[in-house]
Each structure stands twice: as C-alpha cells, then as structure tokens.
C-alpha cells in the first residue's frame, strides 16, 4: 500500500529529528517536513546549543563553525539519502542543507518522483 503525502511528511520529520540528533549532535526543538511535487523541504528550529550560539557571534567564528558543520553534514549525507529513499520509495537526486546563524536549519531534497497534493 502506498503511503499518503501526510504519512511521508510525518515519517521524514521524525527521521530528520533523529538524524540531526544522532549524526550531527543537533537537538532541534521542532522539525517539520513539507512535500510538494518532487521536493521535500525540512525546517528544523533551534539547532545550535547554547555554547555554539555564543561561539558564532562574530563573523570569523561563524564562518569557521559553518565550514565545520558543512563538512560534518557531507560525511553523513549518504545515510540520510539512503533512509529518505526508503521512506519516499523514490531516488534522491540532491540534498542541500543550510544552517543559519539563528539556529534554523533548512534542508531541500529533490526526488525523482512527483507526489500529488
């Protein structure tokens, strides 16, 4: 039986919360996934620990921290891709992730399958 769009969004949200916690050490307060056509957008809030928020206050520290987080994410991205393919029953074409200085993380996942509304 094929999963509904709402079921896929819920499963992705739960997995992303787990992934961010277990693989990146981020403990987001809220994670929400939105599926539209062939694109999944994931928004995770409060991804920075208190010490990290203090550390990234100046530009140089923020750039250093961002470089580290990007490298860290790239190392574990294949795990994420594999699980997303299982959840969506689709091939993941690309994953782009951005962590903002305010602790908000956005992931945009492109799939090879179009989901109806």
PDB file of N, CA and C in Angstrom:
ATOM      1  N   UNK A   1       0.836  -1.189   0.000  1.00  0.00           N
ATOM      2  CA  UNK A   1       0.000   0.000   0.000  1.00  0.00           C
ATOM      3  C   UNK A   1       0.882   1.254   0.000  1.00  0.00           C
ATOM      4  N   UNK A   2       0.536   2.194  -0.821  1.00  0.00           N
ATOM      5  CA  UNK A   2       1.309   3.428  -0.943  1.00  0.00           C
ATOM      6  C   UNK A   2       0.965   4.386   0.196  1.00  0.00           C
ATOM      7  N   UNK A   3       1.982   5.035   0.746  1.00  0.00           N
ATOM      8  CA  UNK A   3       1.792   5.990   1.839  1.00  0.00           C
ATOM      9  C   UNK A   3       1.193   7.278   1.301  1.00  0.00           C
ATOM     10  N   UNK A   4       0.407   7.936   2.149  1.00  0.00           N
ATOM     11  CA  UNK A   4      -0.136   9.245   1.784  1.00  0.00           C
ATOM     12  C   UNK A   4       0.952  10.298   1.927  1.00  0.00           C
ATOM     13  N   UNK A   5       0.715  11.444   1.337  1.00  0.00           N
ATOM     14  CA  UNK A   5       1.654  12.560   1.441  1.00  0.00           C
ATOM     15  C   UNK A   5       1.877  12.933   2.905  1.00  0.00           C
ATOM     16  N   UNK A   6       0.810  12.981   3.698  1.00  0.00           N
ATOM     17  CA  UNK A   6       0.909  13.339   5.122  1.00  0.00           C
ATOM     18  C   UNK A   6       1.740  12.305   5.885  1.00  0.00           C
ATOM     19  N   UNK A   7       1.577  11.035   5.549  1.00  0.00           N
ATOM     20  CA  UNK A   7       2.355   9.979   6.215  1.00  0.00           C
ATOM     21  C   UNK A   7       3.840  10.106   5.883  1.00  0.00           C
ATOM     22  N   UNK A   8       4.141  10.414   4.628  1.00  0.00           N
ATOM     23  CA  UNK A   8       5.544  10.589   4.215  1.00  0.00           C
ATOM     24  C   UNK A   8       6.154  11.786   4.926  1.00  0.00           C
ATOM     25  N   UNK A   9       5.430  12.895   4.980  1.00  0.00           N
ATOM     26  CA  UNK A   9       5.921  14.097   5.672  1.00  0.00           C
ATOM     27  C   UNK A   9       6.188  13.807   7.147  1.00  0.00           C
ATOM     28  N   UNK A  10       5.284  13.098   7.794  1.00  0.00           N
ATOM     29  CA  UNK A  10       5.447  12.772   9.216  1.00  0.00           C
ATOM     30  C   UNK A  10       6.652  11.867   9.430  1.00  0.00           C
ATOM     31  N   UNK A  11       6.805  10.866   8.578  1.00  0.00           N
ATOM     32  CA  UNK A  11       7.935   9.946   8.718  1.00  0.00           C
ATOM     33  C   UNK A  11       9.269  10.657   8.480  1.00  0.00           C
ATOM     34  N   UNK A  12       9.304  11.544   7.491  1.00  0.00           N
ATOM     35  CA  UNK A  12      10.528  12.313   7.229  1.00  0.00           C
ATOM     36  C   UNK A  12      10.843  13.224   8.416  1.00  0.00           C
ATOM     37  N   UNK A  13       9.848  13.888   8.960  1.00  0.00           N
ATOM     38  CA  UNK A  13      10.054  14.777  10.110  1.00  0.00           C
ATOM     39  C   UNK A  13      10.658  14.015  11.281  1.00  0.00           C
ATOM     40  N   UNK A  14      10.091  12.857  11.589  1.00  0.00           N
ATOM     41  CA  UNK A  14      10.605  12.050  12.703  1.00  0.00           C
ATOM     42  C   UNK A  14      12.029  11.579  12.430  1.00  0.00           C
ATOM     43  N   UNK A  15      12.270  11.126  11.208  1.00  0.00           N
ATOM     44  CA  UNK A  15      13.617  10.645  10.907  1.00  0.00           C
ATOM     45  C   UNK A  15      14.635  11.786  10.944  1.00  0.00           C
ATOM     46  N   UNK A  16      14.288  12.940  10.402  1.00  0.00           N
ATOM     47  CA  UNK A  16      15.224  14.073  10.392  1.00  0.00           C
ATOM     48  C   UNK A  16      15.571  14.507  11.816  1.00  0.00           C
ATOM     49  N   UNK A  17      14.606  14.495  12.723  1.00  0.00           N
ATOM     50  CA  UNK A  17      14.894  14.835  14.124  1.00  0.00           C
ATOM     51  C   UNK A  17      15.913  13.847  14.681  1.00  0.00           C
ATOM     52  N   UNK A  18      15.712  12.571  14.399  1.00  0.00           N
ATOM     53  CA  UNK A  18      16.634  11.529  14.854  1.00  0.00           C
ATOM     54  C   UNK A  18      18.012  11.709  14.203  1.00  0.00           C
ATOM     55  N   UNK A  19      18.032  11.912  12.901  1.00  0.00           N
ATOM     56  CA  UNK A  19      19.281  12.070  12.152  1.00  0.00           C
ATOM     57  C   UNK A  19      20.093  13.256  12.661  1.00  0.00           C
ATOM     58  N   UNK A  20      19.447  14.401  12.829  1.00  0.00           N
ATOM     59  CA  UNK A  20      20.155  15.596  13.300  1.00  0.00           C
ATOM     60  C   UNK A  20      20.731  15.371  14.693  1.00  0.00           C
ATOM     61  N   UNK A  21      19.991  14.699  15.528  1.00  0.00           N
ATOM     62  CA  UNK A  21      20.451  14.420  16.882  1.00  0.00           C
ATOM     63  C   UNK A  21      21.596  13.414  16.902  1.00  0.00           C
ATOM     64  N   UNK A  22      21.397  12.279  16.261  1.00  0.00           N
ATOM     65  CA  UNK A  22      22.363  11.188  16.325  1.00  0.00           C
ATOM     66  C   UNK A  22      23.615  11.420  15.481  1.00  0.00           C
ATOM     67  N   UNK A  23      23.477  12.025  14.332  1.00  0.00           N
ATOM     68  CA  UNK A  23      24.608  12.174  13.416  1.00  0.00           C
ATOM     69  C   UNK A  23      25.318  13.520  13.534  1.00  0.00           C
ATOM     70  N   UNK A  24      24.588  14.574  13.894  1.00  0.00           N
ATOM     71  CA  UNK A  24      25.198  15.908  13.936  1.00  0.00           C
ATOM     72  C   UNK A  24      25.238  16.513  15.334  1.00  0.00           C
ATOM     73  N   UNK A  25      24.635  15.842  16.302  1.00  0.00           N
ATOM     74  CA  UNK A  25      24.631  16.368  17.660  1.00  0.00           C
ATOM     75  C   UNK A  25      23.733  17.573  17.837  1.00  0.00           C
ATOM     76  N   UNK A  26      22.838  17.794  16.897  1.00  0.00           N
ATOM     77  CA  UNK A  26      21.900  18.916  16.981  1.00  0.00           C
ATOM     78  C   UNK A  26      20.614  18.406  17.624  1.00  0.00           C
ATOM     79  N   UNK A  27      20.064  19.174  18.503  1.00  0.00           N
ATOM     80  CA  UNK A  27      18.835  18.777  19.195  1.00  0.00           C
ATOM     81  C   UNK A  27      17.728  19.797  18.881  1.00  0.00           C
ATOM     82  N   UNK A  28      17.187  19.743  17.669  1.00  0.00           N
ATOM     83  CA  UNK A  28      16.166  20.734  17.308  1.00  0.00           C
ATOM     84  C   UNK A  28      14.916  20.606  18.171  1.00  0.00           C
ATOM     85  N   UNK A  29      14.295  21.732  18.460  1.00  0.00           N
ATOM     86  CA  UNK A  29      13.046  21.724  19.233  1.00  0.00           C
ATOM     87  C   UNK A  29      11.880  21.267  18.384  1.00  0.00           C
ATOM     88  N   UNK A  30      11.925  21.593  17.103  1.00  0.00           N
ATOM     89  CA  UNK A  30      10.833  21.232  16.203  1.00  0.00           C
ATOM     90  C   UNK A  30      11.403  20.937  14.822  1.00  0.00           C
ATOM     91  N   UNK A  31      10.843  19.910  14.189  1.00  0.00           N
ATOM     92  CA  UNK A  31      11.231  19.554  12.821  1.00  0.00           C
ATOM     93  C   UNK A  31       9.945  19.334  12.036  1.00  0.00           C
ATOM     94  N   UNK A  32       9.852  19.968  10.882  1.00  0.00           N
ATOM     95  CA  UNK A  32       8.673  19.808  10.032  1.00  0.00           C
ATOM     96  C   UNK A  32       9.114  19.601   8.595  1.00  0.00           C
ATOM     97  N   UNK A  33       8.503  18.605   7.942  1.00  0.00           N
ATOM     98  CA  UNK A  33       8.789  18.319   6.535  1.00  0.00           C
ATOM     99  C   UNK A  33       7.572  18.681   5.703  1.00  0.00           C
ATOM    100  N   UNK A  34       7.827  19.238   4.531  1.00  0.00           N
ATOM    101  CA  UNK A  34       6.769  19.644   3.616  1.00  0.00           C
ATOM    102  C   UNK A  34       7.080  19.059   2.243  1.00  0.00           C
ATOM    103  N   UNK A  35       6.171  18.286   1.716  1.00  0.00           N
ATOM    104  CA  UNK A  35       6.352  17.618   0.442  1.00  0.00           C
ATOM    105  C   UNK A  35       5.499  18.314  -0.609  1.00  0.00           C
ATOM    106  N   UNK A  36       6.156  18.758  -1.674  1.00  0.00           N
ATOM    107  CA  UNK A  36       5.451  19.445  -2.751  1.00  0.00           C
ATOM    108  C   UNK A  36       6.039  18.993  -4.080  1.00  0.00           C
ATOM    109  N   UNK A  37       5.257  18.251  -4.824  1.00  0.00           N
ATOM    110  CA  UNK A  37       5.744  17.744  -6.106  1.00  0.00           C
ATOM    111  C   UNK A  37       6.899  16.788  -5.894  1.00  0.00           C
ATOM    112  N   UNK A  38       8.058  17.140  -6.448  1.00  0.00           N
ATOM    113  CA  UNK A  38       9.248  16.293  -6.308  1.00  0.00           C
ATOM    114  C   UNK A  38      10.237  16.856  -5.286  1.00  0.00           C
ATOM    115  N   UNK A  39       9.773  17.772  -4.436  1.00  0.00           N
ATOM    116  CA  UNK A  39      10.658  18.450  -3.490  1.00  0.00           C
ATOM    117  C   UNK A  39      10.162  18.298  -2.060  1.00  0.00           C
ATOM    118  N   UNK A  40      11.102  17.960  -1.171  1.00  0.00           N
ATOM    119  CA  UNK A  40      10.816  17.915   0.263  1.00  0.00           C
ATOM    120  C   UNK A  40      11.609  19.052   0.893  1.00  0.00           C
ATOM    121  N   UNK A  41      10.933  19.880   1.658  1.00  0.00           N
ATOM    122  CA  UNK A  41      11.590  20.928   2.420  1.00  0.00           C
ATOM    123  C   UNK A  41      11.459  20.579   3.887  1.00  0.00           C
ATOM    124  N   UNK A  42      12.586  20.599   4.588  1.00  0.00           N
ATOM    125  CA  UNK A  42      12.585  20.284   6.022  1.00  0.00           C
ATOM    126  C   UNK A  42      13.097  21.510   6.769  1.00  0.00           C
ATOM    127  N   UNK A  43      12.322  21.908   7.789  1.00  0.00           N
ATOM    128  CA  UNK A  43      12.708  23.043   8.628  1.00  0.00           C
ATOM    129  C   UNK A  43      12.909  22.538  10.049  1.00  0.00           C
ATOM    130  N   UNK A  44      14.090  22.777  10.600  1.00  0.00           N
ATOM    131  CA  UNK A  44      14.397  22.382  11.972  1.00  0.00           C
ATOM    132  C   UNK A  44      14.810  23.635  12.738  1.00  0.00           C
ATOM    133  N   UNK A  45      14.172  23.856  13.872  1.00  0.00           N
ATOM    134  CA  UNK A  45      14.461  25.074  14.640  1.00  0.00           C
ATOM    135  C   UNK A  45      15.296  24.780  15.872  1.00  0.00           C
ATOM    136  N   UNK A  46      16.058  25.780  16.287  1.00  0.00           N
ATOM    137  CA  UNK A  46      16.899  25.722  17.488  1.00  0.00           C
ATOM    138  C   UNK A  46      17.925  24.598  17.412  1.00  0.00           C
ATOM    139  N   UNK A  47      18.707  24.572  16.353  1.00  0.00           N
ATOM    140  CA  UNK A  47      19.696  23.519  16.138  1.00  0.00           C
ATOM    141  C   UNK A  47      21.051  23.807  16.790  1.00  0.00           C
ATOM    142  N   UNK A  48      21.232  25.002  17.308  1.00  0.00           N
ATOM    143  CA  UNK A  48      22.501  25.334  17.951  1.00  0.00           C
ATOM    144  C   UNK A  48      22.390  25.192  19.463  1.00  0.00           C
ATOM    145  N   UNK A  49      23.412  24.601  20.058  1.00  0.00           N
ATOM    146  CA  UNK A  49      23.500  24.518  21.517  1.00  0.00           C
ATOM    147  C   UNK A  49      23.838  25.897  22.072  1.00  0.00           C
ATOM    148  N   UNK A  50      23.569  26.149  23.346  1.00  0.00           N
ATOM    149  CA  UNK A  50      23.876  27.464  23.920  1.00  0.00           C
ATOM    150  C   UNK A  50      25.329  27.899  23.708  1.00  0.00           C
ATOM    151  N   UNK A  51      26.283  27.003  23.892  1.00  0.00           N
ATOM    152  CA  UNK A  51      27.687  27.347  23.683  1.00  0.00           C
ATOM    153  C   UNK A  51      27.994  27.673  22.227  1.00  0.00           C
ATOM    154  N   UNK A  52      27.324  26.981  21.319  1.00  0.00           N
ATOM    155  CA  UNK A  52      27.516  27.262  19.890  1.00  0.00           C
ATOM    156  C   UNK A  52      26.954  28.640  19.548  1.00  0.00           C
ATOM    157  N   UNK A  53      25.818  28.989  20.116  1.00  0.00           N
ATOM    158  CA  UNK A  53      25.237  30.324  19.866  1.00  0.00           C
ATOM    159  C   UNK A  53      26.190  31.425  20.328  1.00  0.00           C
ATOM    160  N   UNK A  54      26.864  31.218  21.447  1.00  0.00           N
ATOM    161  CA  UNK A  54      27.842  32.195  21.931  1.00  0.00           C
ATOM    162  C   UNK A  54      29.060  32.243  21.009  1.00  0.00           C
ATOM    163  N   UNK A  55      29.486  31.080  20.548  1.00  0.00           N
ATOM    164  CA  UNK A  55      30.678  30.978  19.703  1.00  0.00           C
ATOM    165  C   UNK A  55      30.495  31.679  18.357  1.00  0.00           C
ATOM    166  N   UNK A  56      29.311  31.610  17.779  1.00  0.00           N
ATOM    167  CA  UNK A  56      29.116  32.107  16.407  1.00  0.00           C
ATOM    168  C   UNK A  56      28.717  33.575  16.329  1.00  0.00           C
ATOM    169  N   UNK A  57      28.919  34.307  17.395  1.00  0.00           N
ATOM    170  CA  UNK A  57      28.511  35.719  17.417  1.00  0.00           C
ATOM    171  C   UNK A  57      29.300  36.601  16.459  1.00  0.00           C
ATOM    172  N   UNK A  58      30.574  36.294  16.234  1.00  0.00           N
ATOM    173  CA  UNK A  58      31.344  37.140  15.305  1.00  0.00           C
ATOM    174  C   UNK A  58      31.488  36.409  13.959  1.00  0.00           C
ATOM    175  N   UNK A  59      31.755  37.176  12.932  1.00  0.00           N
ATOM    176  CA  UNK A  59      31.787  36.662  11.561  1.00  0.00           C
ATOM    177  C   UNK A  59      32.826  35.563  11.382  1.00  0.00           C
ATOM    178  N   UNK A  60      34.022  35.759  11.879  1.00  0.00           N
ATOM    179  CA  UNK A  60      35.090  34.774  11.693  1.00  0.00           C
ATOM    180  C   UNK A  60      34.728  33.440  12.364  1.00  0.00           C
ATOM    181  N   UNK A  61      34.212  33.496  13.567  1.00  0.00           N
ATOM    182  CA  UNK A  61      33.809  32.272  14.271  1.00  0.00           C
ATOM    183  C   UNK A  61      32.658  31.591  13.555  1.00  0.00           C
ATOM    184  N   UNK A  62      31.698  32.393  13.069  1.00  0.00           N
ATOM    185  CA  UNK A  62      30.562  31.826  12.343  1.00  0.00           C
ATOM    186  C   UNK A  62      31.040  31.118  11.074  1.00  0.00           C
ATOM    187  N   UNK A  63      31.946  31.712  10.336  1.00  0.00           N
ATOM    188  CA  UNK A  63      32.461  31.088   9.114  1.00  0.00           C
ATOM    189  C   UNK A  63      33.175  29.775   9.422  1.00  0.00           C
ATOM    190  N   UNK A  64      33.977  29.749  10.463  1.00  0.00           N
ATOM    191  CA  UNK A  64      34.676  28.544  10.873  1.00  0.00           C
ATOM    192  C   UNK A  64      33.685  27.453  11.284  1.00  0.00           C
ATOM    193  N   UNK A  65      32.708  27.820  12.088  1.00  0.00           N
ATOM    194  CA  UNK A  65      31.695  26.873  12.548  1.00  0.00           C
ATOM    195  C   UNK A  65      30.878  26.334  11.379  1.00  0.00           C
ATOM    196  N   UNK A  66      30.492  27.208  10.476  1.00  0.00           N
ATOM    197  CA  UNK A  66      29.695  26.814   9.305  1.00  0.00           C
ATOM    198  C   UNK A  66      30.481  25.847   8.414  1.00  0.00           C
ATOM    199  N   UNK A  67      31.755  26.106   8.233  1.00  0.00           N
ATOM    200  CA  UNK A  67      32.604  25.213   7.442  1.00  0.00           C
ATOM    201  C   UNK A  67      32.648  23.817   8.082  1.00  0.00           C
ATOM    202  N   UNK A  68      32.824  23.774   9.400  1.00  0.00           N
ATOM    203  CA  UNK A  68      32.834  22.501  10.114  1.00  0.00           C
ATOM    204  C   UNK A  68      31.506  21.771   9.955  1.00  0.00           C
ATOM    205  N   UNK A  69      30.382  22.472  10.167  1.00  0.00           N
ATOM    206  CA  UNK A  69      29.063  21.836  10.082  1.00  0.00           C
ATOM    207  C   UNK A  69      28.782  21.331   8.667  1.00  0.00           C
ATOM    208  N   UNK A  70      29.229  22.070   7.655  1.00  0.00           N
ATOM    209  CA  UNK A  70      29.035  21.625   6.273  1.00  0.00           C
ATOM    210  C   UNK A  70      29.823  20.350   5.983  1.00  0.00           C
ATOM    211  N   UNK A  71      31.071  20.293   6.449  1.00  0.00           N
ATOM    212  CA  UNK A  71      31.890  19.088   6.273  1.00  0.00           C
ATOM    213  C   UNK A  71      31.288  17.908   7.027  1.00  0.00           C
ATOM    214  N   UNK A  72      30.839  18.156   8.231  1.00  0.00           N
ATOM    215  CA  UNK A  72      30.215  17.117   9.044  1.00  0.00           C
ATOM    216  C   UNK A  72      28.974  16.567   8.330  1.00  0.00           C
ATOM    217  N   UNK A  73      28.158  17.441   7.804  1.00  0.00           N
ATOM    218  CA  UNK A  73      26.926  17.045   7.122  1.00  0.00           C
ATOM    219  C   UNK A  73      27.237  16.202   5.885  1.00  0.00           C
ATOM    220  N   UNK A  74      28.226  16.620   5.115  1.00  0.00           N
ATOM    221  CA  UNK A  74      28.585  15.890   3.894  1.00  0.00           C
ATOM    222  C   UNK A  74      29.033  14.462   4.193  1.00  0.00           C
ATOM    223  N   UNK A  75      29.692  14.258   5.332  1.00  0.00           N
ATOM    224  CA  UNK A  75      30.168  12.915   5.702  1.00  0.00           C
ATOM    225  C   UNK A  75      29.016  11.961   6.004  1.00  0.00           C
ATOM    226  N   UNK A  76      27.932  12.452   6.558  1.00  0.00           N
ATOM    227  CA  UNK A  76      26.813  11.594   6.945  1.00  0.00           C
ATOM    228  C   UNK A  76      25.633  11.650   5.972  1.00  0.00           C
ATOM    229  N   UNK A  77      25.744  12.481   4.961  1.00  0.00           N
ATOM    230  CA  UNK A  77      24.681  12.651   3.973  1.00  0.00           C
ATOM    231  C   UNK A  77      24.277  11.348   3.275  1.00  0.00           C
ATOM    232  N   UNK A  78      25.211  10.426   2.962  1.00  0.00           N
ATOM    233  CA  UNK A  78      24.786   9.169   2.321  1.00  0.00           C
ATOM    234  C   UNK A  78      23.790   8.364   3.176  1.00  0.00           C
ATOM    235  N   UNK A  79      23.949   8.388   4.489  1.00  0.00           N
ATOM    236  CA  UNK A  79      22.998   7.719   5.377  1.00  0.00           C
ATOM    237  C   UNK A  79      21.616   8.339   5.253  1.00  0.00           C
ATOM    238  N   UNK A  80      21.589   9.655   5.239  1.00  0.00           N
ATOM    239  CA  UNK A  80      20.328  10.382   5.105  1.00  0.00           C
ATOM    240  C   UNK A  80      19.672  10.053   3.772  1.00  0.00           C
ATOM    241  N   UNK A  81      20.456  10.086   2.723  1.00  0.00           N
ATOM    242  CA  UNK A  81      19.929   9.813   1.386  1.00  0.00           C
ATOM    243  C   UNK A  81      19.308   8.415   1.323  1.00  0.00           C
ATOM    244  N   UNK A  82      20.008   7.433   1.864  1.00  0.00           N
ATOM    245  CA  UNK A  82      19.516   6.056   1.841  1.00  0.00           C
ATOM    246  C   UNK A  82      18.166   5.929   2.563  1.00  0.00           C
ATOM    247  N   UNK A  83      18.075   6.531   3.736  1.00  0.00           N
ATOM    248  CA  UNK A  83      16.826   6.423   4.505  1.00  0.00           C
ATOM    249  C   UNK A  83      15.686   7.190   3.848  1.00  0.00           C
ATOM    250  N   UNK A  84      15.993   8.349   3.271  1.00  0.00           N
ATOM    251  CA  UNK A  84      14.949   9.114   2.576  1.00  0.00           C
ATOM    252  C   UNK A  84      14.424   8.348   1.375  1.00  0.00           C
ATOM    253  N   UNK A  85      15.296   7.622   0.703  1.00  0.00           N
ATOM    254  CA  UNK A  85      14.856   6.811  -0.435  1.00  0.00           C
ATOM    255  C   UNK A  85      13.926   5.692   0.025  1.00  0.00           C
ATOM    256  N   UNK A  86      14.195   5.146   1.189  1.00  0.00           N
ATOM    257  CA  UNK A  86      13.309   4.113   1.741  1.00  0.00           C
ATOM    258  C   UNK A  86      11.953   4.708   2.108  1.00  0.00           C
ATOM    259  N   UNK A  87      11.962   5.842   2.770  1.00  0.00           N
ATOM    260  CA  UNK A  87      10.721   6.468   3.222  1.00  0.00           C
ATOM    261  C   UNK A  87       9.848   6.887   2.047  1.00  0.00           C
ATOM    262  N   UNK A  88      10.465   7.480   1.033  1.00  0.00           N
ATOM    263  CA  UNK A  88       9.695   8.040  -0.083  1.00  0.00           C
ATOM    264  C   UNK A  88       9.485   7.075  -1.242  1.00  0.00           C
ATOM    265  N   UNK A  89      10.184   5.939  -1.215  1.00  0.00           N
ATOM    266  CA  UNK A  89      10.152   4.988  -2.335  1.00  0.00           C
ATOM    267  C   UNK A  89      10.523   5.714  -3.633  1.00  0.00           C
ATOM    268  N   UNK A  90      11.500   6.607  -3.535  1.00  0.00           N
ATOM    269  CA  UNK A  90      11.972   7.420  -4.654  1.00  0.00           C
ATOM    270  C   UNK A  90      13.487   7.508  -4.593  1.00  0.00           C
ATOM    271  N   UNK A  91      14.077   7.872  -5.702  1.00  0.00           N
ATOM    272  CA  UNK A  91      15.511   8.140  -5.750  1.00  0.00           C
ATOM    273  C   UNK A  91      15.725   9.595  -5.344  1.00  0.00           C
ATOM    274  N   UNK A  92      16.701   9.825  -4.461  1.00  0.00           N
ATOM    275  CA  UNK A  92      17.057  11.190  -4.077  1.00  0.00           C
ATOM    276  C   UNK A  92      18.041  11.717  -5.114  1.00  0.00           C
ATOM    277  N   UNK A  93      17.678  12.810  -5.753  1.00  0.00           N
ATOM    278  CA  UNK A  93      18.527  13.440  -6.766  1.00  0.00           C
ATOM    279  C   UNK A  93      19.578  14.325  -6.107  1.00  0.00           C
ATOM    280  N   UNK A  94      19.150  15.109  -5.114  1.00  0.00           N
ATOM    281  CA  UNK A  94      20.081  16.029  -4.451  1.00  0.00           C
ATOM    282  C   UNK A  94      19.531  16.412  -3.080  1.00  0.00           C
ATOM    283  N   UNK A  95      20.449  16.754  -2.190  1.00  0.00           N
ATOM    284  CA  UNK A  95      20.101  17.284  -0.867  1.00  0.00           C
ATOM    285  C   UNK A  95      20.963  18.521  -0.638  1.00  0.00           C
ATOM    286  N   UNK A  96      20.310  19.620  -0.314  1.00  0.00           N
ATOM    287  CA  UNK A  96      21.011  20.858   0.011  1.00  0.00           C
ATOM    288  C   UNK A  96      20.593  21.246   1.426  1.00  0.00           C
ATOM    289  N   UNK A  97      21.565  21.553   2.259  1.00  0.00           N
ATOM    290  CA  UNK A  97      21.272  21.910   3.642  1.00  0.00           C
ATOM    291  C   UNK A  97      21.956  23.217   4.000  1.00  0.00           C
ATOM    292  N   UNK A  98      21.225  24.055   4.721  1.00  0.00           N
ATOM    293  CA  UNK A  98      21.758  25.347   5.167  1.00  0.00           C
ATOM    294  C   UNK A  98      21.429  25.518   6.640  1.00  0.00           C
ATOM    295  N   UNK A  99      22.438  25.849   7.424  1.00  0.00           N
ATOM    296  CA  UNK A  99      22.260  26.151   8.839  1.00  0.00           C
ATOM    297  C   UNK A  99      22.479  27.643   9.025  1.00  0.00           C
ATOM    298  N   UNK A 100      21.468  28.302   9.540  1.00  0.00           N
ATOM    299  CA  UNK A 100      21.567  29.739   9.763  1.00  0.00           C
ATOM    300  C   UNK A 100      22.158  30.070  11.108  1.00  0.00           C
ATOM    301  N   UNK A 101      22.691  31.262  11.222  1.00  0.00           N
ATOM    302  CA  UNK A 101      23.324  31.714  12.465  1.00  0.00           C
ATOM    303  C   UNK A 101      22.319  31.797  13.613  1.00  0.00           C
ATOM    304  N   UNK A 102      21.036  31.831  13.277  1.00  0.00           N
ATOM    305  CA  UNK A 102      19.986  31.859  14.299  1.00  0.00           C
ATOM    306  C   UNK A 102      19.599  30.456  14.767  1.00  0.00           C
ATOM    307  N   UNK A 103      20.257  29.412  14.229  1.00  0.00           N
ATOM    308  CA  UNK A 103      19.990  28.044  14.647  1.00  0.00           C
ATOM    309  C   UNK A 103      18.924  27.336  13.843  1.00  0.00           C
ATOM    310  N   UNK A 104      18.423  27.972  12.812  1.00  0.00           N
ATOM    311  CA  UNK A 104      17.413  27.363  11.950  1.00  0.00           C
ATOM    312  C   UNK A 104      18.127  26.606  10.831  1.00  0.00           C
ATOM    313  N   UNK A 105      17.755  25.339  10.635  1.00  0.00           N
ATOM    314  CA  UNK A 105      18.329  24.541   9.544  1.00  0.00           C
ATOM    315  C   UNK A 105      17.228  24.257   8.524  1.00  0.00           C
ATOM    316  N   UNK A 106      17.584  24.418   7.246  1.00  0.00           N
ATOM    317  CA  UNK A 106      16.682  24.094   6.148  1.00  0.00           C
ATOM    318  C   UNK A 106      17.357  23.069   5.258  1.00  0.00           C
ATOM    319  N   UNK A 107      16.633  22.013   4.953  1.00  0.00           N
ATOM    320  CA  UNK A 107      17.103  21.007   4.013  1.00  0.00           C
ATOM    321  C   UNK A 107      16.113  20.963   2.858  1.00  0.00           C
ATOM    322  N   UNK A 108      16.635  20.948   1.649  1.00  0.00           N
ATOM    323  CA  UNK A 108      15.803  20.817   0.466  1.00  0.00           C
ATOM    324  C   UNK A 108      16.251  19.553  -0.253  1.00  0.00           C
ATOM    325  N   UNK A 109      15.312  18.624  -0.415  1.00  0.00           N
ATOM    326  CA  UNK A 109      15.598  17.328  -1.016  1.00  0.00           C
ATOM    327  C   UNK A 109      14.816  17.222  -2.317  1.00  0.00           C
ATOM    328  N   UNK A 110      15.521  16.912  -3.395  1.00  0.00           N
ATOM    329  CA  UNK A 110      14.875  16.735  -4.688  1.00  0.00           C
ATOM    330  C   UNK A 110      14.783  15.246  -4.989  1.00  0.00           C
ATOM    331  N   UNK A 111      13.587  14.802  -5.355  1.00  0.00           N
ATOM    332  CA  UNK A 111      13.327  13.394  -5.642  1.00  0.00           C
ATOM    333  C   UNK A 111      13.078  13.186  -7.138  1.00  0.00           C
ATOM    334  N   UNK A 112      13.147  11.940  -7.573  1.00  0.00           N
ATOM    335  CA  UNK A 112      12.854  11.640  -8.980  1.00  0.00           C
ATOM    336  C   UNK A 112      11.385  11.275  -9.168  1.00  0.00           C
ATOM    337  N   UNK A 113      10.590  11.526  -8.170  1.00  0.00           N
ATOM    338  CA  UNK A 113       9.161  11.177  -8.198  1.00  0.00           C
ATOM    339  C   UNK A 113       8.332  12.368  -7.775  1.00  0.00           C
ATOM    340  N   UNK A 114       7.232  12.553  -8.448  1.00  0.00           N
ATOM    341  CA  UNK A 114       6.324  13.665  -8.146  1.00  0.00           C
ATOM    342  C   UNK A 114       5.198  13.154  -7.248  1.00  0.00           C
ATOM    343  N   UNK A 115       5.001  13.810  -6.104  1.00  0.00           N
ATOM    344  CA  UNK A 115       3.910  13.460  -5.196  1.00  0.00           C
ATOM    345  C   UNK A 115       2.745  14.388  -5.440  1.00  0.00           C
ATOM    346  N   UNK A 116       1.569  13.830  -5.505  1.00  0.00           N
ATOM    347  CA  UNK A 116       0.359  14.622  -5.685  1.00  0.00           C
ATOM    348  C   UNK A 116      -0.032  15.270  -4.368  1.00  0.00           C
ATOM    349  N   UNK A 117      -0.735  16.388  -4.462  1.00  0.00           N
ATOM    350  CA  UNK A 117      -1.203  17.107  -3.263  1.00  0.00           C
ATOM    351  C   UNK A 117      -2.300  16.359  -2.564  1.00  0.00           C
TER     352      UNK A 117
END
